[in-house]
PDB file of N, CA and C in Angstrom:
ATOM      1  N   MET A   1     -19.584  34.254  39.940  1.00  0.00           N
ATOM      2  CA  MET A   1     -20.527  33.247  39.308  1.00  0.00           C
ATOM      3  C   MET A   1     -20.694  33.804  38.496  1.00  0.00           C
ATOM      4  N   GLU A   2     -21.332  33.641  37.302  1.00  0.00           N
ATOM      5  CA  GLU A   2     -21.939  34.163  35.680  1.00  0.00           C
ATOM      6  C   GLU A   2     -23.224  34.200  36.087  1.00  0.00           C
ATOM      7  N   THR A   3     -24.006  35.250  35.134  1.00  0.00           N
ATOM      8  CA  THR A   3     -25.015  35.934  35.455  1.00  0.00           C
ATOM      9  C   THR A   3     -25.862  34.360  34.993  1.00  0.00           C
ATOM     10  N   SER A   4     -25.824  33.891  34.078  1.00  0.00           N
ATOM     11  CA  SER A   4     -26.584  32.207  33.668  1.00  0.00           C
ATOM     12  C   SER A   4     -26.536  31.561  34.738  1.00  0.00           C
ATOM     13  N   ASP A   5     -25.231  31.248  35.047  1.00  0.00           N
ATOM     14  CA  ASP A   5     -25.013  30.411  36.612  1.00  0.00           C
ATOM     15  C   ASP A   5     -25.913  30.620  37.650  1.00  0.00           C
ATOM     16  N   LEU A   6     -26.264  31.551  38.211  1.00  0.00           N
ATOM     17  CA  LEU A   6     -26.715  32.718  38.814  1.00  0.00           C
ATOM     18  C   LEU A   6     -28.768  32.045  38.766  1.00  0.00           C
ATOM     19  N   LYS A   7     -29.034  32.564  37.619  1.00  0.00           N
ATOM     20  CA  LYS A   7     -30.113  32.178  36.947  1.00  0.00           C
ATOM     21  C   LYS A   7     -30.442  30.642  37.294  1.00  0.00           C
ATOM     22  N   LYS A   8     -29.674  29.357  36.883  1.00  0.00           N
ATOM     23  CA  LYS A   8     -29.772  28.158  37.036  1.00  0.00           C
ATOM     24  C   LYS A   8     -29.979  27.888  38.551  1.00  0.00           C
ATOM     25  N   GLN A   9     -29.044  28.308  39.415  1.00  0.00           N
ATOM     26  CA  GLN A   9     -29.471  28.450  40.666  1.00  0.00           C
ATOM     27  C   GLN A   9     -30.694  28.812  41.259  1.00  0.00           C
ATOM     28  N   LEU A  10     -31.082  29.888  40.987  1.00  0.00           N
ATOM     29  CA  LEU A  10     -32.381  30.326  41.484  1.00  0.00           C
ATOM     30  C   LEU A  10     -33.452  29.585  41.062  1.00  0.00           C
ATOM     31  N   TYR A  11     -33.574  29.201  40.007  1.00  0.00           N
ATOM     32  CA  TYR A  11     -34.554  28.227  39.142  1.00  0.00           C
ATOM     33  C   TYR A  11     -34.540  26.763  39.864  1.00  0.00           C
ATOM     34  N   ALA A  12     -33.318  26.612  40.612  1.00  0.00           N
ATOM     35  CA  ALA A  12     -32.884  25.237  41.149  1.00  0.00           C
ATOM     36  C   ALA A  12     -33.471  25.236  42.220  1.00  0.00           C
ATOM     37  N   TYR A  13     -33.498  26.828  43.292  1.00  0.00           N
ATOM     38  CA  TYR A  13     -33.917  26.681  44.333  1.00  0.00           C
ATOM     39  C   TYR A  13     -35.905  26.734  44.273  1.00  0.00           C
ATOM     40  N   ILE A  14     -36.201  27.602  43.297  1.00  0.00           N
ATOM     41  CA  ILE A  14     -37.460  27.670  42.752  1.00  0.00           C
ATOM     42  C   ILE A  14     -38.224  26.279  43.014  1.00  0.00           C
ATOM     43  N   ASP A  15     -37.458  25.695  41.850  1.00  0.00           N
ATOM     44  CA  ASP A  15     -38.070  24.338  41.823  1.00  0.00           C
ATOM     45  C   ASP A  15     -38.181  23.411  43.307  1.00  0.00           C
ATOM     46  N   MET A  16     -37.539  23.691  44.138  1.00  0.00           N
ATOM     47  CA  MET A  16     -37.138  22.912  45.249  1.00  0.00           C
ATOM     48  C   MET A  16     -38.500  23.419  46.466  1.00  0.00           C
ATOM     49  N   ILE A  17     -39.344  24.510  45.713  1.00  0.00           N
ATOM     50  CA  ILE A  17     -40.097  25.315  47.208  1.00  0.00           C
ATOM     51  C   ILE A  17     -41.441  23.951  46.790  1.00  0.00           C
ATOM     52  N   GLU A  18     -42.183  23.821  47.402  1.00  0.00           N
ATOM     53  CA  GLU A  18     -43.875  23.093  47.282  1.00  0.00           C
ATOM     54  C   GLU A  18     -45.117  23.898  47.630  1.00  0.00           C
ATOM     55  N   ASP A  19     -44.365  24.659  48.048  1.00  0.00           N
ATOM     56  CA  ASP A  19     -45.135  25.735  49.192  1.00  0.00           C
ATOM     57  C   ASP A  19     -46.020  26.851  48.432  1.00  0.00           C
ATOM     58  N   GLU A  20     -47.177  26.960  48.165  1.00  0.00           N
ATOM     59  CA  GLU A  20     -47.744  27.716  47.711  1.00  0.00           C
ATOM     60  C   GLU A  20     -47.348  29.384  47.703  1.00  0.00           C
ATOM     61  N   THR A  21     -47.365  29.222  49.469  1.00  0.00           N
ATOM     62  CA  THR A  21     -47.657  30.602  49.899  1.00  0.00           C
ATOM     63  C   THR A  21     -46.269  31.213  49.799  1.00  0.00           C
ATOM     64  N   LYS A  22     -45.309  30.138  50.038  1.00  0.00           N
ATOM     65  CA  LYS A  22     -43.888  30.596  49.904  1.00  0.00           C
ATOM     66  C   LYS A  22     -43.595  31.182  48.410  1.00  0.00           C
ATOM     67  N   LEU A  23     -44.055  30.583  47.334  1.00  0.00           N
ATOM     68  CA  LEU A  23     -43.791  30.838  45.939  1.00  0.00           C
ATOM     69  C   LEU A  23     -44.796  32.345  45.356  1.00  0.00           C
ATOM     70  N   GLU A  24     -45.665  32.428  46.178  1.00  0.00           N
ATOM     71  CA  GLU A  24     -46.197  33.895  45.682  1.00  0.00           C
ATOM     72  C   GLU A  24     -45.321  34.988  46.187  1.00  0.00           C
ATOM     73  N   MET A  25     -45.184  34.470  47.911  1.00  0.00           N
ATOM     74  CA  MET A  25     -44.263  35.899  48.629  1.00  0.00           C
ATOM     75  C   MET A  25     -43.031  35.895  47.309  1.00  0.00           C
ATOM     76  N   LEU A  26     -42.511  34.852  47.318  1.00  0.00           N
ATOM     77  CA  LEU A  26     -41.307  34.951  46.256  1.00  0.00           C
ATOM     78  C   LEU A  26     -41.565  35.781  44.953  1.00  0.00           C
ATOM     79  N   CYS A  27     -42.564  35.329  44.523  1.00  0.00           N
ATOM     80  CA  CYS A  27     -43.219  36.016  43.106  1.00  0.00           C
ATOM     81  C   CYS A  27     -43.363  37.621  42.961  1.00  0.00           C
ATOM     82  N   GLU A  28     -43.963  37.755  44.380  1.00  0.00           N
ATOM     83  CA  GLU A  28     -44.408  39.108  44.412  1.00  0.00           C
ATOM     84  C   GLU A  28     -43.081  39.800  45.096  1.00  0.00           C
ATOM     85  N   ALA A  29     -41.875  39.432  45.412  1.00  0.00           N
ATOM     86  CA  ALA A  29     -40.670  39.849  45.725  1.00  0.00           C
ATOM     87  C   ALA A  29     -39.810  40.291  44.262  1.00  0.00           C
ATOM     88  N   ALA A  30     -39.778  39.180  43.647  1.00  0.00           N
ATOM     89  CA  ALA A  30     -39.075  39.099  42.432  1.00  0.00           C
ATOM     90  C   ALA A  30     -40.005  40.132  41.596  1.00  0.00           C
ATOM     91  N   GLU A  31     -40.924  40.446  41.597  1.00  0.00           N
ATOM     92  CA  GLU A  31     -42.041  41.254  40.792  1.00  0.00           C
ATOM     93  C   GLU A  31     -41.726  42.883  41.208  1.00  0.00           C
ATOM     94  N   ALA A  32     -41.521  43.132  42.390  1.00  0.00           N
ATOM     95  CA  ALA A  32     -41.103  44.447  43.145  1.00  0.00           C
ATOM     96  C   ALA A  32     -39.789  44.735  42.506  1.00  0.00           C
ATOM     97  N   TYR A  33     -39.327  43.730  42.674  1.00  0.00           N
ATOM     98  CA  TYR A  33     -37.735  43.972  42.423  1.00  0.00           C
ATOM     99  C   TYR A  33     -37.534  44.197  41.078  1.00  0.00           C
ATOM    100  N   ALA A  34     -38.216  43.490  40.162  1.00  0.00           N
ATOM    101  CA  ALA A  34     -38.008  43.857  38.621  1.00  0.00           C
ATOM    102  C   ALA A  34     -38.056  45.299  38.204  1.00  0.00           C
ATOM    103  N   LYS A  35     -39.643  45.259  38.737  1.00  0.00           N
ATOM    104  CA  LYS A  35     -39.889  46.904  38.499  1.00  0.00           C
ATOM    105  C   LYS A  35     -39.689  47.984  39.395  1.00  0.00           C
ATOM    106  N   LYS A  36     -38.600  47.709  40.266  1.00  0.00           N
ATOM    107  CA  LYS A  36     -37.620  48.722  41.108  1.00  0.00           C
ATOM    108  C   LYS A  36     -38.414  49.228  42.170  1.00  0.00           C
ATOM    109  N   GLN A  37     -39.616  48.547  42.851  1.00  0.00           N
ATOM    110  CA  GLN A  37     -40.708  49.391  43.608  1.00  0.00           C
ATOM    111  C   GLN A  37     -39.754  49.426  44.675  1.00  0.00           C
ATOM    112  N   PRO A  38     -39.697  50.051  45.648  1.00  0.00           N
ATOM    113  CA  PRO A  38     -39.081  50.313  47.102  1.00  0.00           C
ATOM    114  C   PRO A  38     -39.594  49.259  47.782  1.00  0.00           C
ATOM    115  N   ASP A  39     -38.254  48.733  48.857  1.00  0.00           N
ATOM    116  CA  ASP A  39     -39.060  47.675  49.799  1.00  0.00           C
ATOM    117  C   ASP A  39     -39.442  48.348  50.758  1.00  0.00           C
ATOM    118  N   ILE A  40     -40.654  47.393  51.421  1.00  0.00           N
ATOM    119  CA  ILE A  40     -41.595  48.422  52.411  1.00  0.00           C
ATOM    120  C   ILE A  40     -40.905  48.412  53.535  1.00  0.00           C
ATOM    121  N   LEU A  41     -39.735  47.769  53.999  1.00  0.00           N
ATOM    122  CA  LEU A  41     -38.969  48.057  55.208  1.00  0.00           C
ATOM    123  C   LEU A  41     -38.107  49.228  55.126  1.00  0.00           C
ATOM    124  N   ASP A  42     -38.013  49.994  53.570  1.00  0.00           N
ATOM    125  CA  ASP A  42     -37.012  50.750  53.199  1.00  0.00           C
ATOM    126  C   ASP A  42     -37.813  52.333  53.531  1.00  0.00           C
ATOM    127  N   LEU A  43     -39.027  52.085  53.324  1.00  0.00           N
ATOM    128  CA  LEU A  43     -40.034  53.096  53.838  1.00  0.00           C
ATOM    129  C   LEU A  43     -40.499  53.127  55.606  1.00  0.00           C
ATOM    130  N   LEU A  44     -39.946  52.625  56.227  1.00  0.00           N
ATOM    131  CA  LEU A  44     -40.162  52.578  57.590  1.00  0.00           C
ATOM    132  C   LEU A  44     -39.247  53.261  58.216  1.00  0.00           C
ATOM    133  N   THR A  45     -39.735  53.835  59.239  1.00  0.00           N
ATOM    134  CA  THR A  45     -38.952  54.957  59.981  1.00  0.00           C
ATOM    135  C   THR A  45     -37.600  53.798  60.951  1.00  0.00           C
ATOM    136  N   PRO A  46     -36.920  54.397  61.596  1.00  0.00           N
ATOM    137  CA  PRO A  46     -36.078  53.628  62.541  1.00  0.00           C
ATOM    138  C   PRO A  46     -36.602  53.757  63.785  1.00  0.00           C
ATOM    139  N   GLU A  47     -37.940  54.242  63.988  1.00  0.00           N
ATOM    140  CA  GLU A  47     -38.574  53.732  65.583  1.00  0.00           C
ATOM    141  C   GLU A  47     -39.654  52.537  64.951  1.00  0.00           C
ATOM    142  N   GLN A  48     -40.264  52.891  63.769  1.00  0.00           N
ATOM    143  CA  GLN A  48     -40.924  51.518  63.055  1.00  0.00           C
ATOM    144  C   GLN A  48     -40.053  50.160  63.124  1.00  0.00           C
ATOM    145  N   LEU A  49     -39.102  50.295  62.416  1.00  0.00           N
ATOM    146  CA  LEU A  49     -37.923  49.340  62.466  1.00  0.00           C
ATOM    147  C   LEU A  49     -37.891  48.380  63.664  1.00  0.00           C
ATOM    148  N   GLU A  50     -37.627  49.295  64.751  1.00  0.00           N
ATOM    149  CA  GLU A  50     -36.907  49.141  66.255  1.00  0.00           C
ATOM    150  C   GLU A  50     -38.526  47.683  66.509  1.00  0.00           C
ATOM    151  N   ARG A  51     -39.548  48.562  66.573  1.00  0.00           N
ATOM    152  CA  ARG A  51     -40.940  48.270  66.932  1.00  0.00           C
ATOM    153  C   ARG A  51     -41.224  46.718  66.252  1.00  0.00           C
ATOM    154  N   LEU A  52     -40.730  46.763  64.758  1.00  0.00           N
ATOM    155  CA  LEU A  52     -41.012  45.721  64.047  1.00  0.00           C
ATOM    156  C   LEU A  52     -40.260  44.446  64.415  1.00  0.00           C
ATOM    157  N   LYS A  53     -39.083  44.387  64.858  1.00  0.00           N
ATOM    158  CA  LYS A  53     -37.783  43.848  65.320  1.00  0.00           C
ATOM    159  C   LYS A  53     -37.807  43.393  66.552  1.00  0.00           C
ATOM    160  N   GLU A  54     -38.941  44.009  67.178  1.00  0.00           N
ATOM    161  CA  GLU A  54     -39.391  43.685  68.525  1.00  0.00           C
ATOM    162  C   GLU A  54     -40.337  42.902  68.450  1.00  0.00           C
ATOM    163  N   SER A  55     -41.141  42.977  67.591  1.00  0.00           N
ATOM    164  CA  SER A  55     -42.682  42.167  67.610  1.00  0.00           C
ATOM    165  C   SER A  55     -41.870  40.620  67.096  1.00  0.00           C
ATOM    166  N   ILE A  56     -41.049  40.935  65.917  1.00  0.00           N
ATOM    167  CA  ILE A  56     -41.067  39.521  65.194  1.00  0.00           C
ATOM    168  C   ILE A  56     -39.954  38.701  66.341  1.00  0.00           C
ATOM    169  N   GLN A  57     -39.464  39.123  67.565  1.00  0.00           N
ATOM    170  CA  GLN A  57     -38.612  38.514  68.705  1.00  0.00           C
ATOM    171  C   GLN A  57     -39.909  37.926  69.695  1.00  0.00           C
ATOM    172  N   GLN A  58     -40.994  38.645  69.805  1.00  0.00           N
ATOM    173  CA  GLN A  58     -41.531  38.269  70.700  1.00  0.00           C
ATOM    174  C   GLN A  58     -42.428  36.721  69.669  1.00  0.00           C
ATOM    175  N   ALA A  59     -42.885  37.029  68.965  1.00  0.00           N
ATOM    176  CA  ALA A  59     -43.117  36.128  67.923  1.00  0.00           C
ATOM    177  C   ALA A  59     -42.449  34.528  68.206  1.00  0.00           C
ATOM    178  N   ASP A  60     -41.114  34.815  67.635  1.00  0.00           N
ATOM    179  CA  ASP A  60     -40.275  33.809  67.759  1.00  0.00           C
ATOM    180  C   ASP A  60     -40.246  33.182  68.861  1.00  0.00           C
ATOM    181  N   GLU A  61     -40.427  33.886  70.144  1.00  0.00           N
ATOM    182  CA  GLU A  61     -40.488  33.457  71.324  1.00  0.00           C
ATOM    183  C   GLU A  61     -41.709  32.928  71.615  1.00  0.00           C
ATOM    184  N   GLY A  62     -42.583  33.147  71.015  1.00  0.00           N
ATOM    185  CA  GLY A  62     -43.857  32.298  71.476  1.00  0.00           C
ATOM    186  C   GLY A  62     -44.992  33.599  71.931  1.00  0.00           C
ATOM    187  N   LYS A  63     -44.719  34.595  72.192  1.00  0.00           N
ATOM    188  CA  LYS A  63     -45.214  35.686  72.896  1.00  0.00           C
ATOM    189  C   LYS A  63     -46.123  36.122  71.831  1.00  0.00           C
ATOM    190  N   THR A  64     -47.352  35.316  71.677  1.00  0.00           N
ATOM    191  CA  THR A  64     -48.308  36.002  70.802  1.00  0.00           C
ATOM    192  C   THR A  64     -49.684  35.292  71.353  1.00  0.00           C
ATOM    193  N   ILE A  65     -50.674  36.226  70.932  1.00  0.00           N
ATOM    194  CA  ILE A  65     -52.313  35.934  71.122  1.00  0.00           C
ATOM    195  C   ILE A  65     -52.734  35.625  69.962  1.00  0.00           C
ATOM    196  N   PRO A  66     -53.417  33.944  70.244  1.00  0.00           N
ATOM    197  CA  PRO A  66     -53.909  33.117  69.201  1.00  0.00           C
ATOM    198  C   PRO A  66     -55.131  34.002  68.598  1.00  0.00           C
ATOM    199  N   HIS A  67     -55.468  33.970  67.245  1.00  0.00           N
ATOM    200  CA  HIS A  67     -56.216  34.970  66.400  1.00  0.00           C
ATOM    201  C   HIS A  67     -57.838  34.812  67.004  1.00  0.00           C
ATOM    202  N   GLU A  68     -58.229  33.521  67.390  1.00  0.00           N
ATOM    203  CA  GLU A  68     -59.369  33.667  68.072  1.00  0.00           C
ATOM    204  C   GLU A  68     -59.483  34.069  69.111  1.00  0.00           C
ATOM    205  N   GLU A  69     -58.711  34.545  69.664  1.00  0.00           N
ATOM    206  CA  GLU A  69     -58.806  34.713  71.215  1.00  0.00           C
ATOM    207  C   GLU A  69     -58.643  36.120  71.360  1.00  0.00           C
ATOM    208  N   VAL A  70     -57.727  36.924  69.755  1.00  0.00           N
ATOM    209  CA  VAL A  70     -58.175  38.299  69.669  1.00  0.00           C
ATOM    210  C   VAL A  70     -59.166  38.794  69.153  1.00  0.00           C
ATOM    211  N   MET A  71     -60.248  37.515  68.764  1.00  0.00           N
ATOM    212  CA  MET A  71     -61.442  37.904  67.848  1.00  0.00           C
ATOM    213  C   MET A  71     -62.039  38.172  69.071  1.00  0.00           C
ATOM    214  N   LYS A  72     -62.254  37.338  69.619  1.00  0.00           N
ATOM    215  CA  LYS A  72     -63.243  37.297  70.951  1.00  0.00           C
ATOM    216  C   LYS A  72     -63.313  38.596  72.071  1.00  0.00           C
ATOM    217  N   MET A  73     -61.618  39.130  71.934  1.00  0.00           N
ATOM    218  CA  MET A  73     -61.334  40.269  73.091  1.00  0.00           C
ATOM    219  C   MET A  73     -62.039  41.598  72.024  1.00  0.00           C
ATOM    220  N   ALA A  74     -61.791  41.279  70.636  1.00  0.00           N
ATOM    221  CA  ALA A  74     -62.398  42.552  69.965  1.00  0.00           C
ATOM    222  C   ALA A  74     -63.764  42.702  70.154  1.00  0.00           C
ATOM    223  N   LYS A  75     -64.198  41.409  70.358  1.00  0.00           N
ATOM    224  CA  LYS A  75     -65.968  41.629  70.286  1.00  0.00           C
ATOM    225  C   LYS A  75     -66.248  42.272  71.473  1.00  0.00           C
ATOM    226  N   GLU A  76     -66.003  41.726  72.611  1.00  0.00           N
ATOM    227  CA  GLU A  76     -66.155  42.468  73.898  1.00  0.00           C
ATOM    228  C   GLU A  76     -65.798  43.853  74.304  1.00  0.00           C
ATOM    229  N   TRP A  77     -64.535  44.179  73.501  1.00  0.00           N
ATOM    230  CA  TRP A  77     -64.397  45.833  73.336  1.00  0.00           C
ATOM    231  C   TRP A  77     -65.521  46.245  72.666  1.00  0.00           C
ATOM    232  N   ILE A  78     -65.904  45.914  71.565  1.00  0.00           N
ATOM    233  CA  ILE A  78     -67.195  46.795  70.921  1.00  0.00           C
ATOM    234  C   ILE A  78     -67.982  46.582  71.953  1.00  0.00           C
ATOM    235  N   ASN A  79     -68.613  45.487  71.920  1.00  0.00           N
ATOM    236  CA  ASN A  79     -70.008  45.685  72.954  1.00  0.00           C
ATOM    237  C   ASN A  79     -70.159  46.086  74.256  1.00  0.00           C
ATOM    238  N   LYS A  80     -68.543  46.551  74.716  1.00  0.00           N
ATOM    239  CA  LYS A  80     -68.678  46.985  75.567  1.00  0.00           C
ATOM    240  C   LYS A  80     -68.686  48.883  75.256  1.00  0.00           C
ATOM    241  N   ALA A  81     -67.804  49.087  74.120  1.00  0.00           N
ATOM    242  CA  ALA A  81     -68.010  50.487  73.885  1.00  0.00           C
ATOM    243  C   ALA A  81     -69.767  50.629  73.467  1.00  0.00           C
ATOM    244  N   ALA A  82     -70.006  49.975  72.886  1.00  0.00           N
ATOM    245  CA  ALA A  82     -71.631  50.309  72.242  1.00  0.00           C
ATOM    246  C   ALA A  82     -72.845  50.372  73.269  1.00  0.00           C
ATOM    247  N   LYS A  83     -72.651  50.376  74.665  1.00  0.00           N
ATOM    248  CA  LYS A  83     -73.498  49.949  75.671  1.00  0.00           C
ATOM    249  C   LYS A  83     -73.324  51.685  76.426  1.00  0.00           C
TER     250      LYS A  83
END
């Protein structure tokens, strides 16, 4: 596929995206790529990559704690430590 065809295909994909957050993420990735900034994943150690994969798997399986609950737990820990 020629460069011009690839660009047209990318433009078409971008036009299909309506979610602003996803567009912002795509824009950030494109900017980092254009500026040849290292991908954050390339900066992680093998151990960090493994822990990240495990975390993603847990999230995919719904094994997460809602933000509100984490905030409640944090307040309890802070109050306990302050005593």
